[in-house]
Amino acid sequence: MFQIEASKRFRKKFSKLIKNNKALEEKISQTILQLRTDPGYASLKTHKVNLTNYGQVFSSYVTGDIRILWTKTDEAFVLLLLDVGGHEGGKGIY
């Protein structure tokens, strides 16, 4: 079981995304719970992404377009949520 920590950027984007959208809030919450249990779970479609400013970063599926970016911290069993948002288009998170 992993401990989850959220960056300031993640918390800000999460608040914007879920404003007036309970269904999306529930999907993101379910994804975070699954990350706590098993970040490599098949339905998360977790994979590495190349973002040089964060080190080794992973992307996990929430919905068709929404992804969560996260990394492992130096502390054992701690995942840091970096960003959440759209995957497609010019304003995608990666």
N, C-alpha and C. Protein backbone atom coordinates (compact mmCIF):
# COMPACT_ATOMS: atom_id res chain seq x y z
N MET A 1 0.84 -1.18 0.00
CA MET A 1 0.00 0.00 0.00
C MET A 1 0.90 1.25 0.00
N PHE A 2 0.61 2.17 -0.90
CA PHE A 2 1.39 3.40 -1.01
C PHE A 2 0.68 4.55 -0.30
N GLN A 3 1.47 5.46 0.20
CA GLN A 3 0.94 6.71 0.73
C GLN A 3 0.89 7.68 -0.44
N ILE A 4 -0.16 8.49 -0.50
CA ILE A 4 -0.32 9.46 -1.58
C ILE A 4 -0.13 10.88 -1.05
N GLU A 5 0.70 11.64 -1.74
CA GLU A 5 0.85 13.07 -1.45
C GLU A 5 0.54 13.82 -2.75
N ALA A 6 0.01 15.02 -2.62
CA ALA A 6 -0.37 15.80 -3.80
C ALA A 6 0.40 17.12 -3.82
N SER A 7 0.95 17.45 -4.97
CA SER A 7 1.64 18.73 -5.13
C SER A 7 0.61 19.86 -5.16
N LYS A 8 1.10 21.06 -4.97
CA LYS A 8 0.24 22.23 -5.03
C LYS A 8 -0.43 22.34 -6.41
N ARG A 9 0.33 22.07 -7.44
CA ARG A 9 -0.20 22.12 -8.81
C ARG A 9 -1.33 21.11 -9.00
N PHE A 10 -1.13 19.88 -8.49
CA PHE A 10 -2.17 18.86 -8.60
C PHE A 10 -3.44 19.31 -7.89
N ARG A 11 -3.31 19.80 -6.66
CA ARG A 11 -4.49 20.21 -5.89
C ARG A 11 -5.25 21.33 -6.60
N LYS A 12 -4.52 22.28 -7.17
CA LYS A 12 -5.15 23.40 -7.87
C LYS A 12 -5.91 22.92 -9.11
N LYS A 13 -5.26 22.09 -9.93
CA LYS A 13 -5.89 21.59 -11.15
C LYS A 13 -7.07 20.66 -10.82
N PHE A 14 -6.92 19.84 -9.79
CA PHE A 14 -7.99 18.94 -9.36
C PHE A 14 -9.23 19.75 -8.99
N SER A 15 -9.04 20.81 -8.20
CA SER A 15 -10.17 21.66 -7.80
C SER A 15 -10.88 22.26 -9.00
N LYS A 16 -10.11 22.72 -10.00
CA LYS A 16 -10.70 23.29 -11.21
C LYS A 16 -11.48 22.24 -12.00
N LEU A 17 -10.90 21.05 -12.13
CA LEU A 17 -11.53 20.00 -12.93
C LEU A 17 -12.85 19.51 -12.34
N ILE A 18 -12.90 19.39 -11.02
CA ILE A 18 -14.09 18.79 -10.41
C ILE A 18 -15.18 19.79 -10.08
N LYS A 19 -14.89 21.06 -10.26
CA LYS A 19 -15.89 22.08 -9.96
C LYS A 19 -17.16 21.76 -10.75
N ASN A 20 -18.24 21.53 -10.05
CA ASN A 20 -19.55 21.20 -10.65
C ASN A 20 -19.52 19.91 -11.47
N ASN A 21 -18.62 18.99 -11.15
CA ASN A 21 -18.55 17.73 -11.89
C ASN A 21 -18.28 16.58 -10.92
N LYS A 22 -19.31 16.14 -10.24
CA LYS A 22 -19.20 15.07 -9.24
C LYS A 22 -18.74 13.76 -9.87
N ALA A 23 -19.19 13.47 -11.10
CA ALA A 23 -18.81 12.22 -11.75
C ALA A 23 -17.29 12.15 -11.98
N LEU A 24 -16.71 13.25 -12.42
CA LEU A 24 -15.26 13.28 -12.64
C LEU A 24 -14.52 13.20 -11.30
N GLU A 25 -15.03 13.87 -10.29
CA GLU A 25 -14.42 13.80 -8.96
C GLU A 25 -14.37 12.34 -8.49
N GLU A 26 -15.44 11.62 -8.69
CA GLU A 26 -15.50 10.21 -8.29
C GLU A 26 -14.49 9.37 -9.08
N LYS A 27 -14.39 9.61 -10.39
CA LYS A 27 -13.45 8.84 -11.22
C LYS A 27 -12.00 9.10 -10.80
N ILE A 28 -11.67 10.37 -10.54
CA ILE A 28 -10.31 10.70 -10.11
C ILE A 28 -10.03 10.07 -8.75
N SER A 29 -11.00 10.14 -7.85
CA SER A 29 -10.82 9.54 -6.52
C SER A 29 -10.61 8.04 -6.62
N GLN A 30 -11.37 7.37 -7.48
CA GLN A 30 -11.20 5.93 -7.68
C GLN A 30 -9.81 5.60 -8.23
N THR A 31 -9.34 6.44 -9.15
CA THR A 31 -8.01 6.22 -9.72
C THR A 31 -6.94 6.37 -8.65
N ILE A 32 -7.07 7.38 -7.79
CA ILE A 32 -6.11 7.59 -6.72
C ILE A 32 -6.11 6.40 -5.76
N LEU A 33 -7.29 5.89 -5.42
CA LEU A 33 -7.37 4.70 -4.56
C LEU A 33 -6.67 3.50 -5.21
N GLN A 34 -6.84 3.33 -6.51
CA GLN A 34 -6.19 2.23 -7.20
C GLN A 34 -4.68 2.43 -7.23
N LEU A 35 -4.23 3.68 -7.40
CA LEU A 35 -2.79 3.97 -7.36
C LEU A 35 -2.21 3.59 -6.00
N ARG A 36 -2.95 3.86 -4.94
CA ARG A 36 -2.49 3.51 -3.58
C ARG A 36 -2.26 2.02 -3.46
N THR A 37 -3.15 1.25 -4.05
CA THR A 37 -3.09 -0.20 -3.92
C THR A 37 -2.08 -0.82 -4.87
N ASP A 38 -2.16 -0.43 -6.15
CA ASP A 38 -1.31 -1.04 -7.18
C ASP A 38 -1.16 -0.09 -8.36
N PRO A 39 -0.08 0.73 -8.38
CA PRO A 39 0.11 1.69 -9.47
C PRO A 39 0.26 1.04 -10.85
N GLY A 40 0.55 -0.24 -10.89
CA GLY A 40 0.71 -0.92 -12.16
C GLY A 40 -0.54 -1.67 -12.61
N TYR A 41 -1.65 -1.46 -11.94
CA TYR A 41 -2.89 -2.16 -12.27
C TYR A 41 -3.26 -1.89 -13.73
N ALA A 42 -3.68 -2.92 -14.45
CA ALA A 42 -3.87 -2.86 -15.90
C ALA A 42 -4.82 -1.75 -16.35
N SER A 43 -5.94 -1.55 -15.65
CA SER A 43 -6.92 -0.55 -16.11
C SER A 43 -6.39 0.88 -16.00
N LEU A 44 -5.33 1.11 -15.23
CA LEU A 44 -4.74 2.44 -15.12
C LEU A 44 -3.89 2.79 -16.34
N LYS A 45 -3.48 1.78 -17.09
CA LYS A 45 -2.64 1.97 -18.28
C LYS A 45 -1.41 2.84 -17.96
N THR A 46 -0.82 2.59 -16.80
CA THR A 46 0.32 3.37 -16.34
C THR A 46 1.52 3.16 -17.26
N HIS A 47 2.16 4.28 -17.59
CA HIS A 47 3.37 4.22 -18.41
C HIS A 47 4.25 5.42 -18.10
N LYS A 48 5.55 5.27 -18.40
CA LYS A 48 6.51 6.36 -18.20
C LYS A 48 6.29 7.44 -19.24
N VAL A 49 6.51 8.68 -18.83
CA VAL A 49 6.50 9.81 -19.77
C VAL A 49 7.80 10.58 -19.62
N ASN A 50 8.20 11.26 -20.67
CA ASN A 50 9.46 12.00 -20.65
C ASN A 50 9.22 13.45 -20.29
N LEU A 51 9.40 13.77 -19.02
CA LEU A 51 9.34 15.14 -18.52
C LEU A 51 10.61 15.38 -17.73
N THR A 52 11.57 16.05 -18.32
CA THR A 52 12.89 16.18 -17.71
C THR A 52 12.89 16.98 -16.42
N ASN A 53 11.92 17.86 -16.22
CA ASN A 53 11.95 18.71 -15.03
C ASN A 53 11.49 17.98 -13.76
N TYR A 54 10.94 16.77 -13.87
CA TYR A 54 10.47 16.04 -12.70
C TYR A 54 11.23 14.73 -12.45
N GLY A 55 12.11 14.32 -13.31
CA GLY A 55 12.75 13.02 -13.16
C GLY A 55 11.87 11.94 -13.78
N GLN A 56 11.80 10.79 -13.15
CA GLN A 56 11.01 9.68 -13.67
C GLN A 56 9.53 9.90 -13.33
N VAL A 57 8.72 10.12 -14.36
CA VAL A 57 7.30 10.45 -14.19
C VAL A 57 6.45 9.40 -14.89
N PHE A 58 5.31 9.11 -14.28
CA PHE A 58 4.37 8.13 -14.83
C PHE A 58 3.03 8.81 -15.08
N SER A 59 2.31 8.28 -16.06
CA SER A 59 0.98 8.75 -16.38
C SER A 59 0.01 7.59 -16.16
N SER A 60 -1.13 7.89 -15.51
CA SER A 60 -2.16 6.87 -15.30
C SER A 60 -3.50 7.38 -15.80
N TYR A 61 -4.26 6.49 -16.40
CA TYR A 61 -5.55 6.77 -17.03
C TYR A 61 -6.64 7.04 -15.98
N VAL A 62 -7.46 8.09 -16.22
CA VAL A 62 -8.65 8.34 -15.42
C VAL A 62 -9.88 8.16 -16.30
N THR A 63 -9.92 8.92 -17.42
CA THR A 63 -11.00 8.80 -18.41
C THR A 63 -10.35 8.83 -19.78
N GLY A 64 -11.16 8.87 -20.83
CA GLY A 64 -10.64 8.92 -22.18
C GLY A 64 -9.59 9.99 -22.40
N ASP A 65 -9.77 11.16 -21.79
CA ASP A 65 -8.83 12.25 -22.00
C ASP A 65 -8.08 12.66 -20.73
N ILE A 66 -8.53 12.29 -19.57
CA ILE A 66 -7.93 12.76 -18.31
C ILE A 66 -6.87 11.77 -17.82
N ARG A 67 -5.70 12.32 -17.42
CA ARG A 67 -4.61 11.53 -16.88
C ARG A 67 -4.10 12.15 -15.59
N ILE A 68 -3.50 11.32 -14.76
CA ILE A 68 -2.79 11.79 -13.56
C ILE A 68 -1.31 11.53 -13.78
N LEU A 69 -0.49 12.56 -13.57
CA LEU A 69 0.96 12.40 -13.61
C LEU A 69 1.45 12.27 -12.18
N TRP A 70 2.35 11.32 -11.96
CA TRP A 70 2.88 11.08 -10.62
C TRP A 70 4.30 10.56 -10.69
N THR A 71 4.96 10.60 -9.55
CA THR A 71 6.32 10.09 -9.43
C THR A 71 6.47 9.42 -8.07
N LYS A 72 7.48 8.59 -7.96
CA LYS A 72 7.81 7.99 -6.67
C LYS A 72 8.77 8.94 -5.97
N THR A 73 8.60 9.12 -4.68
CA THR A 73 9.51 9.99 -3.93
C THR A 73 10.67 9.18 -3.39
N ASP A 74 11.60 9.87 -2.74
CA ASP A 74 12.75 9.18 -2.14
C ASP A 74 12.32 8.34 -0.94
N GLU A 75 11.17 8.70 -0.35
CA GLU A 75 10.66 7.92 0.78
C GLU A 75 10.02 6.64 0.24
N ALA A 76 10.19 5.57 0.97
CA ALA A 76 9.62 4.28 0.54
C ALA A 76 8.10 4.35 0.55
N PHE A 77 7.50 3.82 -0.48
CA PHE A 77 6.05 3.67 -0.58
C PHE A 77 5.28 4.99 -0.55
N VAL A 78 5.85 6.04 -1.14
CA VAL A 78 5.15 7.32 -1.23
C VAL A 78 5.09 7.73 -2.70
N LEU A 79 3.88 8.01 -3.19
CA LEU A 79 3.68 8.51 -4.54
C LEU A 79 3.28 9.97 -4.46
N LEU A 80 3.90 10.80 -5.27
CA LEU A 80 3.58 12.22 -5.32
C LEU A 80 2.80 12.50 -6.59
N LEU A 81 1.56 12.96 -6.44
CA LEU A 81 0.73 13.33 -7.58
C LEU A 81 1.19 14.71 -8.06
N LEU A 82 1.60 14.80 -9.31
CA LEU A 82 2.18 16.04 -9.85
C LEU A 82 1.16 16.90 -10.58
N ASP A 83 0.31 16.27 -11.38
CA ASP A 83 -0.60 17.03 -12.24
C ASP A 83 -1.77 16.15 -12.64
N VAL A 84 -2.86 16.78 -13.01
CA VAL A 84 -4.03 16.08 -13.51
C VAL A 84 -4.64 16.94 -14.59
N GLY A 85 -5.09 16.32 -15.67
CA GLY A 85 -5.71 17.11 -16.73
C GLY A 85 -5.80 16.34 -18.02
N GLY A 86 -6.13 17.08 -19.06
CA GLY A 86 -6.32 16.49 -20.38
C GLY A 86 -5.03 15.97 -20.98
N HIS A 87 -5.18 14.96 -21.78
CA HIS A 87 -4.06 14.31 -22.43
C HIS A 87 -3.92 14.80 -23.87
N GLU A 88 -5.03 15.16 -24.49
CA GLU A 88 -5.06 15.54 -25.90
C GLU A 88 -4.92 17.06 -26.07
N GLY A 89 -4.54 17.47 -27.26
CA GLY A 89 -4.53 18.88 -27.61
C GLY A 89 -3.33 19.66 -27.12
N GLY A 90 -3.31 20.93 -27.47
CA GLY A 90 -2.20 21.81 -27.13
C GLY A 90 -2.10 22.11 -25.65
N LYS A 91 -3.16 21.95 -24.90
CA LYS A 91 -3.12 22.23 -23.47
C LYS A 91 -3.03 20.95 -22.66
N GLY A 92 -2.60 19.86 -23.27
CA GLY A 92 -2.44 18.59 -22.57
C GLY A 92 -1.35 18.69 -21.52
N ILE A 93 -1.40 17.83 -20.53
CA ILE A 93 -0.43 17.89 -19.45
C ILE A 93 0.93 17.32 -19.83
N TYR A 94 0.99 16.63 -20.95
CA TYR A 94 2.30 16.18 -21.50
C TYR A 94 2.18 15.88 -22.97
